[in-house]
Amino acid sequence: TELLAAFEEHESSGKMAFTFNGAMVDVPHLKRAKQVLATAAKLSGKTI
């Protein structure tokens, strides 16, 4: 997703928090986003 790609980009430059679509995002947000995507993938029968 766009959020995960943006986090990886910022993480590689040493930033662990950044603004995404007008909202502050940090590691706990990323972990939650990954959980949501994993749940959605299980429900749809796909893997991420």
N, C-alpha and C. Protein backbone atom coordinates (compact mmCIF):
# COMPACT_ATOMS: atom_id res chain seq x y z
N THR A 1 0.83 -1.19 0.00
CA THR A 1 0.00 0.00 0.00
C THR A 1 0.87 1.25 0.00
N GLU A 2 0.25 2.37 -0.23
CA GLU A 2 0.98 3.64 -0.25
C GLU A 2 1.60 3.94 1.10
N LEU A 3 0.88 3.66 2.17
CA LEU A 3 1.39 3.94 3.51
C LEU A 3 2.64 3.13 3.80
N LEU A 4 2.62 1.85 3.50
CA LEU A 4 3.79 1.00 3.76
C LEU A 4 4.98 1.44 2.92
N ALA A 5 4.74 1.79 1.68
CA ALA A 5 5.83 2.26 0.81
C ALA A 5 6.41 3.57 1.34
N ALA A 6 5.55 4.47 1.78
CA ALA A 6 6.02 5.75 2.32
C ALA A 6 6.83 5.52 3.59
N PHE A 7 6.38 4.59 4.44
CA PHE A 7 7.12 4.32 5.67
C PHE A 7 8.50 3.76 5.35
N GLU A 8 8.58 2.83 4.43
CA GLU A 8 9.88 2.25 4.06
C GLU A 8 10.82 3.31 3.52
N GLU A 9 10.28 4.23 2.73
CA GLU A 9 11.10 5.32 2.19
C GLU A 9 11.64 6.21 3.30
N HIS A 10 10.78 6.59 4.24
CA HIS A 10 11.21 7.45 5.35
C HIS A 10 12.14 6.70 6.30
N GLU A 11 11.86 5.43 6.54
CA GLU A 11 12.70 4.63 7.43
C GLU A 11 14.12 4.53 6.90
N SER A 12 14.27 4.38 5.59
CA SER A 12 15.60 4.26 5.00
C SER A 12 16.41 5.54 5.16
N SER A 13 15.73 6.66 5.36
CA SER A 13 16.44 7.92 5.59
C SER A 13 16.55 8.24 7.08
N GLY A 14 16.18 7.27 7.93
CA GLY A 14 16.33 7.43 9.38
C GLY A 14 15.16 8.07 10.09
N LYS A 15 14.06 8.31 9.39
CA LYS A 15 12.89 8.93 10.01
C LYS A 15 11.91 7.83 10.42
N MET A 16 11.51 7.84 11.69
CA MET A 16 10.58 6.84 12.19
C MET A 16 9.17 7.41 12.37
N ALA A 17 8.99 8.70 12.06
CA ALA A 17 7.68 9.34 12.08
C ALA A 17 7.66 10.36 10.94
N PHE A 18 6.50 10.50 10.31
CA PHE A 18 6.38 11.42 9.18
C PHE A 18 4.90 11.75 8.97
N THR A 19 4.64 12.68 8.09
CA THR A 19 3.27 13.06 7.77
C THR A 19 2.84 12.34 6.50
N PHE A 20 1.68 11.71 6.55
CA PHE A 20 1.13 10.99 5.40
C PHE A 20 -0.32 11.42 5.23
N ASN A 21 -0.64 11.99 4.08
CA ASN A 21 -1.99 12.48 3.81
C ASN A 21 -2.52 13.37 4.94
N GLY A 22 -1.65 14.22 5.47
CA GLY A 22 -2.04 15.18 6.49
C GLY A 22 -2.09 14.64 7.91
N ALA A 23 -1.68 13.40 8.12
CA ALA A 23 -1.70 12.80 9.46
C ALA A 23 -0.31 12.32 9.85
N MET A 24 0.01 12.44 11.13
CA MET A 24 1.29 11.95 11.64
C MET A 24 1.24 10.43 11.70
N VAL A 25 2.29 9.79 11.21
CA VAL A 25 2.38 8.33 11.19
C VAL A 25 3.69 7.92 11.84
N ASP A 26 3.65 6.88 12.69
CA ASP A 26 4.86 6.36 13.30
C ASP A 26 4.78 4.83 13.38
N VAL A 27 5.71 4.22 14.08
CA VAL A 27 5.80 2.75 14.10
C VAL A 27 4.51 2.07 14.57
N PRO A 28 3.86 2.52 15.66
CA PRO A 28 2.61 1.86 16.04
C PRO A 28 1.54 1.89 14.94
N HIS A 29 1.48 3.00 14.20
CA HIS A 29 0.53 3.07 13.08
C HIS A 29 0.89 2.04 12.01
N LEU A 30 2.17 1.90 11.74
CA LEU A 30 2.61 0.93 10.73
C LEU A 30 2.26 -0.49 11.16
N LYS A 31 2.51 -0.82 12.42
CA LYS A 31 2.19 -2.17 12.91
C LYS A 31 0.69 -2.45 12.76
N ARG A 32 -0.13 -1.47 13.10
CA ARG A 32 -1.58 -1.65 12.99
C ARG A 32 -2.00 -1.81 11.53
N ALA A 33 -1.41 -1.02 10.65
CA ALA A 33 -1.73 -1.13 9.22
C ALA A 33 -1.38 -2.52 8.70
N LYS A 34 -0.24 -3.06 9.13
CA LYS A 34 0.15 -4.40 8.70
C LYS A 34 -0.83 -5.45 9.22
N GLN A 35 -1.32 -5.28 10.46
CA GLN A 35 -2.30 -6.21 11.02
C GLN A 35 -3.60 -6.18 10.22
N VAL A 36 -4.04 -4.98 9.88
CA VAL A 36 -5.28 -4.83 9.11
C VAL A 36 -5.13 -5.49 7.74
N LEU A 37 -3.99 -5.25 7.08
CA LEU A 37 -3.76 -5.86 5.76
C LEU A 37 -3.69 -7.38 5.85
N ALA A 38 -3.07 -7.91 6.90
CA ALA A 38 -2.98 -9.36 7.07
C ALA A 38 -4.37 -9.96 7.28
N THR A 39 -5.19 -9.30 8.08
CA THR A 39 -6.55 -9.78 8.32
C THR A 39 -7.36 -9.75 7.02
N ALA A 40 -7.24 -8.66 6.28
CA ALA A 40 -7.96 -8.55 5.01
C ALA A 40 -7.50 -9.64 4.03
N ALA A 41 -6.21 -9.91 4.02
CA ALA A 41 -5.68 -10.94 3.13
C ALA A 41 -6.22 -12.31 3.50
N LYS A 42 -6.27 -12.60 4.80
CA LYS A 42 -6.82 -13.89 5.24
C LYS A 42 -8.27 -14.04 4.83
N LEU A 43 -9.03 -12.97 5.01
CA LEU A 43 -10.45 -13.03 4.68
C LEU A 43 -10.69 -13.18 3.18
N SER A 44 -9.78 -12.65 2.38
CA SER A 44 -9.94 -12.75 0.93
C SER A 44 -9.22 -13.96 0.34
N GLY A 45 -8.47 -14.68 1.18
CA GLY A 45 -7.76 -15.86 0.72
C GLY A 45 -6.45 -15.56 0.03
N LYS A 46 -5.95 -14.33 0.19
CA LYS A 46 -4.70 -13.94 -0.44
C LYS A 46 -3.61 -13.77 0.62
N THR A 47 -2.37 -13.70 0.17
CA THR A 47 -1.27 -13.40 1.07
C THR A 47 -0.67 -12.06 0.68
N ILE A 48 -0.02 -11.41 1.65
CA ILE A 48 0.62 -10.13 1.35
C ILE A 48 2.11 -10.28 1.35
